[in-house]
Amino acid sequence: MFASVRILTQRQLDKFLQDFRIPSDLHPTLPSKDETIYPFRQGKFPFYTRVCNFATYRVPFSRFLIRVLHFFRVHISQVNPFGLSRISHFEISCRA
């Protein structure tokens, strides 16, 4: 089994959050140095930054999106980009 450990520093995470406009009210945190991303802590949403860096992929992260993913018990990597688009459009329509 492959174990992935943290390679980002807090400074790199802060830059990533700023570059990809991930809201701070989602309380993004790094795992401890000896903690793996899976299985992840209860109430946390694991996310690999390499996905964004490699594909310049931007997800409109919001509290609503995270709650939808938790409700359906799926990881963001399991959702089609068109599905993410639908969730975003629904959230925007509700706010309008």
N, C-alpha and C. Protein backbone atom coordinates (compact mmCIF):
# COMPACT_ATOMS: atom_id res chain seq x y z
N MET A 1 0.84 -1.18 0.00
CA MET A 1 0.00 0.00 0.00
C MET A 1 0.88 1.24 0.00
N PHE A 2 0.52 2.20 -0.80
CA PHE A 2 1.29 3.43 -0.93
C PHE A 2 0.85 4.43 0.14
N ALA A 3 1.80 5.02 0.83
CA ALA A 3 1.50 6.04 1.84
C ALA A 3 2.03 7.37 1.35
N SER A 4 1.18 8.36 1.35
CA SER A 4 1.57 9.70 0.93
C SER A 4 1.66 10.57 2.17
N VAL A 5 2.78 11.23 2.33
CA VAL A 5 2.97 12.10 3.49
C VAL A 5 3.11 13.54 3.04
N ARG A 6 2.94 14.42 3.98
CA ARG A 6 2.98 15.85 3.68
C ARG A 6 4.35 16.26 3.16
N ILE A 7 4.33 17.05 2.10
CA ILE A 7 5.58 17.60 1.59
C ILE A 7 5.53 19.12 1.53
N LEU A 8 4.37 19.70 1.79
CA LEU A 8 4.23 21.16 1.77
C LEU A 8 4.61 21.77 3.11
N THR A 9 5.15 22.96 3.05
CA THR A 9 5.37 23.74 4.26
C THR A 9 4.14 24.64 4.44
N GLN A 10 4.00 25.24 5.60
CA GLN A 10 2.88 26.14 5.83
C GLN A 10 2.93 27.32 4.86
N ARG A 11 4.11 27.79 4.58
CA ARG A 11 4.28 28.91 3.64
C ARG A 11 3.81 28.52 2.24
N GLN A 12 4.16 27.31 1.80
CA GLN A 12 3.72 26.83 0.49
C GLN A 12 2.20 26.65 0.45
N LEU A 13 1.64 26.16 1.54
CA LEU A 13 0.18 26.02 1.61
C LEU A 13 -0.49 27.39 1.51
N ASP A 14 0.02 28.36 2.24
CA ASP A 14 -0.55 29.71 2.20
C ASP A 14 -0.52 30.28 0.78
N LYS A 15 0.59 30.07 0.08
CA LYS A 15 0.68 30.55 -1.31
C LYS A 15 -0.31 29.81 -2.21
N PHE A 16 -0.43 28.50 -2.02
CA PHE A 16 -1.39 27.70 -2.79
C PHE A 16 -2.81 28.21 -2.56
N LEU A 17 -3.17 28.45 -1.32
CA LEU A 17 -4.51 28.94 -0.99
C LEU A 17 -4.78 30.30 -1.64
N GLN A 18 -3.77 31.14 -1.65
CA GLN A 18 -3.91 32.46 -2.28
C GLN A 18 -4.01 32.33 -3.80
N ASP A 19 -3.14 31.53 -4.40
CA ASP A 19 -3.12 31.37 -5.86
C ASP A 19 -4.42 30.78 -6.40
N PHE A 20 -4.98 29.82 -5.67
CA PHE A 20 -6.19 29.15 -6.13
C PHE A 20 -7.46 29.66 -5.45
N ARG A 21 -7.31 30.74 -4.72
CA ARG A 21 -8.44 31.45 -4.08
C ARG A 21 -9.34 30.51 -3.27
N ILE A 22 -8.72 29.73 -2.43
CA ILE A 22 -9.47 28.85 -1.54
C ILE A 22 -9.78 29.64 -0.28
N PRO A 23 -11.07 29.77 0.07
CA PRO A 23 -11.45 30.61 1.20
C PRO A 23 -10.89 30.12 2.53
N SER A 24 -10.45 31.05 3.34
CA SER A 24 -9.88 30.70 4.64
C SER A 24 -10.95 30.22 5.61
N ASP A 25 -12.22 30.55 5.37
CA ASP A 25 -13.28 30.09 6.28
C ASP A 25 -13.52 28.58 6.18
N LEU A 26 -12.86 27.92 5.21
CA LEU A 26 -12.91 26.46 5.15
C LEU A 26 -11.88 25.83 6.09
N HIS A 27 -11.05 26.67 6.70
CA HIS A 27 -10.03 26.27 7.67
C HIS A 27 -9.09 25.19 7.14
N PRO A 28 -8.43 25.47 6.00
CA PRO A 28 -7.49 24.48 5.46
C PRO A 28 -6.30 24.31 6.40
N THR A 29 -5.90 23.07 6.61
CA THR A 29 -4.76 22.76 7.47
C THR A 29 -3.92 21.67 6.84
N LEU A 30 -2.67 21.65 7.23
CA LEU A 30 -1.78 20.58 6.81
C LEU A 30 -1.88 19.44 7.81
N PRO A 31 -1.74 18.20 7.34
CA PRO A 31 -1.65 17.11 8.30
C PRO A 31 -0.30 17.19 9.04
N SER A 32 -0.21 16.52 10.16
CA SER A 32 1.07 16.49 10.86
C SER A 32 2.08 15.75 10.00
N LYS A 33 3.36 15.88 10.32
CA LYS A 33 4.40 15.30 9.46
C LYS A 33 4.31 13.79 9.34
N ASP A 34 3.82 13.11 10.36
CA ASP A 34 3.74 11.65 10.30
C ASP A 34 2.34 11.14 9.97
N GLU A 35 1.42 12.03 9.68
CA GLU A 35 0.04 11.66 9.37
C GLU A 35 -0.13 11.51 7.85
N THR A 36 -0.80 10.46 7.43
CA THR A 36 -1.06 10.27 6.00
C THR A 36 -2.39 10.93 5.65
N ILE A 37 -2.59 11.17 4.37
CA ILE A 37 -3.82 11.84 3.94
C ILE A 37 -5.02 10.88 4.00
N TYR A 38 -4.73 9.57 3.92
CA TYR A 38 -5.82 8.60 4.02
C TYR A 38 -5.41 7.50 4.98
N PRO A 39 -6.19 7.12 5.92
CA PRO A 39 -7.51 7.68 6.22
C PRO A 39 -7.36 9.05 6.86
N PHE A 40 -8.25 9.95 6.51
CA PHE A 40 -8.15 11.32 6.98
C PHE A 40 -8.95 11.52 8.27
N ARG A 41 -8.62 12.62 8.94
CA ARG A 41 -9.29 12.94 10.20
C ARG A 41 -10.76 13.23 9.98
N GLN A 42 -11.57 12.86 10.97
CA GLN A 42 -13.01 13.14 10.93
C GLN A 42 -13.23 14.64 10.78
N GLY A 43 -14.12 15.00 9.88
CA GLY A 43 -14.44 16.42 9.66
C GLY A 43 -13.49 17.14 8.74
N LYS A 44 -12.49 16.45 8.22
CA LYS A 44 -11.53 17.07 7.30
C LYS A 44 -11.75 16.53 5.89
N PHE A 45 -11.37 17.33 4.92
CA PHE A 45 -11.52 16.98 3.51
C PHE A 45 -10.13 16.91 2.90
N PRO A 46 -9.63 15.71 2.57
CA PRO A 46 -8.28 15.62 2.02
C PRO A 46 -8.24 16.09 0.57
N PHE A 47 -7.17 16.78 0.23
CA PHE A 47 -7.05 17.29 -1.14
C PHE A 47 -5.58 17.33 -1.52
N TYR A 48 -5.26 16.77 -2.68
CA TYR A 48 -3.90 16.80 -3.19
C TYR A 48 -3.68 18.07 -4.00
N THR A 49 -2.73 18.87 -3.61
CA THR A 49 -2.44 20.12 -4.32
C THR A 49 -1.86 19.85 -5.71
N ARG A 50 -1.26 18.69 -5.90
CA ARG A 50 -0.66 18.39 -7.19
C ARG A 50 -1.68 18.37 -8.32
N VAL A 51 -2.93 18.03 -7.99
CA VAL A 51 -3.99 18.03 -9.01
C VAL A 51 -4.11 19.43 -9.61
N CYS A 52 -4.13 20.43 -8.77
CA CYS A 52 -4.27 21.81 -9.24
C CYS A 52 -3.02 22.28 -9.96
N ASN A 53 -1.87 21.97 -9.39
CA ASN A 53 -0.61 22.42 -9.98
C ASN A 53 -0.33 21.76 -11.33
N PHE A 54 -0.64 20.49 -11.46
CA PHE A 54 -0.36 19.77 -12.69
C PHE A 54 -1.31 20.18 -13.81
N ALA A 55 -2.58 20.28 -13.51
CA ALA A 55 -3.57 20.54 -14.55
C ALA A 55 -4.10 21.97 -14.54
N THR A 56 -3.52 22.81 -13.72
CA THR A 56 -4.03 24.17 -13.49
C THR A 56 -5.55 24.13 -13.31
N TYR A 57 -5.97 23.19 -12.50
CA TYR A 57 -7.38 22.93 -12.23
C TYR A 57 -7.83 23.79 -11.07
N ARG A 58 -8.88 24.55 -11.28
CA ARG A 58 -9.41 25.41 -10.22
C ARG A 58 -10.82 24.99 -9.88
N VAL A 59 -11.02 24.76 -8.61
CA VAL A 59 -12.33 24.36 -8.11
C VAL A 59 -12.89 25.53 -7.32
N PRO A 60 -14.13 25.91 -7.59
CA PRO A 60 -14.73 27.00 -6.79
C PRO A 60 -15.13 26.46 -5.41
N PHE A 61 -14.14 26.33 -4.52
CA PHE A 61 -14.40 25.78 -3.20
C PHE A 61 -15.32 26.69 -2.41
N SER A 62 -16.29 26.08 -1.80
CA SER A 62 -17.18 26.80 -0.90
C SER A 62 -17.64 25.82 0.18
N ARG A 63 -18.17 26.36 1.23
CA ARG A 63 -18.67 25.52 2.31
C ARG A 63 -19.80 24.61 1.79
N PHE A 64 -20.61 25.14 0.88
CA PHE A 64 -21.71 24.37 0.30
C PHE A 64 -21.18 23.15 -0.46
N LEU A 65 -20.16 23.35 -1.29
CA LEU A 65 -19.58 22.26 -2.06
C LEU A 65 -19.05 21.17 -1.13
N ILE A 66 -18.34 21.56 -0.10
CA ILE A 66 -17.79 20.59 0.85
C ILE A 66 -18.91 19.81 1.53
N ARG A 67 -19.98 20.50 1.89
CA ARG A 67 -21.11 19.81 2.53
C ARG A 67 -21.80 18.84 1.58
N VAL A 68 -21.92 19.21 0.32
CA VAL A 68 -22.52 18.30 -0.68
C VAL A 68 -21.66 17.04 -0.82
N LEU A 69 -20.35 17.22 -0.90
CA LEU A 69 -19.45 16.07 -1.03
C LEU A 69 -19.53 15.17 0.21
N HIS A 70 -19.58 15.78 1.38
CA HIS A 70 -19.71 14.98 2.61
C HIS A 70 -21.05 14.26 2.65
N PHE A 71 -22.11 14.94 2.25
CA PHE A 71 -23.43 14.33 2.28
C PHE A 71 -23.50 13.08 1.42
N PHE A 72 -22.94 13.18 0.22
CA PHE A 72 -22.97 12.04 -0.71
C PHE A 72 -21.79 11.08 -0.52
N ARG A 73 -20.91 11.42 0.43
CA ARG A 73 -19.75 10.58 0.76
C ARG A 73 -18.88 10.30 -0.46
N VAL A 74 -18.58 11.34 -1.20
CA VAL A 74 -17.69 11.22 -2.34
C VAL A 74 -16.53 12.19 -2.18
N HIS A 75 -15.44 11.86 -2.81
CA HIS A 75 -14.28 12.75 -2.83
C HIS A 75 -14.35 13.59 -4.10
N ILE A 76 -13.76 14.74 -4.06
CA ILE A 76 -13.82 15.65 -5.22
C ILE A 76 -13.23 14.98 -6.47
N SER A 77 -12.30 14.07 -6.29
CA SER A 77 -11.71 13.39 -7.44
C SER A 77 -12.70 12.44 -8.12
N GLN A 78 -13.81 12.15 -7.45
CA GLN A 78 -14.82 11.26 -8.02
C GLN A 78 -15.91 12.01 -8.77
N VAL A 79 -15.84 13.32 -8.77
CA VAL A 79 -16.89 14.14 -9.38
C VAL A 79 -16.40 14.68 -10.72
N ASN A 80 -17.20 14.50 -11.73
CA ASN A 80 -16.93 15.02 -13.06
C ASN A 80 -16.92 16.55 -13.02
N PRO A 81 -16.05 17.21 -13.78
CA PRO A 81 -16.06 18.68 -13.80
C PRO A 81 -17.42 19.28 -14.13
N PHE A 82 -18.21 18.60 -14.97
CA PHE A 82 -19.54 19.10 -15.28
C PHE A 82 -20.44 19.01 -14.04
N GLY A 83 -20.22 17.98 -13.23
CA GLY A 83 -20.96 17.85 -11.98
C GLY A 83 -20.62 18.98 -11.02
N LEU A 84 -19.33 19.33 -10.94
CA LEU A 84 -18.91 20.46 -10.11
C LEU A 84 -19.54 21.75 -10.61
N SER A 85 -19.62 21.88 -11.90
CA SER A 85 -20.24 23.05 -12.51
C SER A 85 -21.72 23.15 -12.12
N ARG A 86 -22.40 22.02 -12.12
CA ARG A 86 -23.84 22.00 -11.75
C ARG A 86 -24.03 22.39 -10.29
N ILE A 87 -23.15 21.87 -9.44
CA ILE A 87 -23.25 22.23 -8.01
C ILE A 87 -23.03 23.72 -7.84
N SER A 88 -22.04 24.26 -8.53
CA SER A 88 -21.75 25.70 -8.43
C SER A 88 -22.92 26.53 -8.95
N HIS A 89 -23.47 26.14 -10.08
CA HIS A 89 -24.62 26.88 -10.64
C HIS A 89 -25.81 26.82 -9.69
N PHE A 90 -26.05 25.67 -9.07
CA PHE A 90 -27.14 25.55 -8.13
C PHE A 90 -26.92 26.48 -6.94
N GLU A 91 -25.71 26.48 -6.41
CA GLU A 91 -25.41 27.35 -5.26
C GLU A 91 -25.59 28.82 -5.64
N ILE A 92 -25.10 29.22 -6.79
CA ILE A 92 -25.23 30.60 -7.23
C ILE A 92 -26.70 30.97 -7.43
N SER A 93 -27.47 30.06 -8.03
CA SER A 93 -28.91 30.32 -8.23
C SER A 93 -29.63 30.48 -6.90
N CYS A 94 -29.29 29.65 -5.93
CA CYS A 94 -29.92 29.76 -4.61
C CYS A 94 -29.57 31.08 -3.94
N ARG A 95 -28.35 31.53 -4.11
CA ARG A 95 -27.93 32.80 -3.50
C ARG A 95 -28.58 33.99 -4.19
N ALA A 96 -28.87 33.84 -5.49
CA ALA A 96 -29.47 34.94 -6.25
C ALA A 96 -30.91 35.11 -5.82
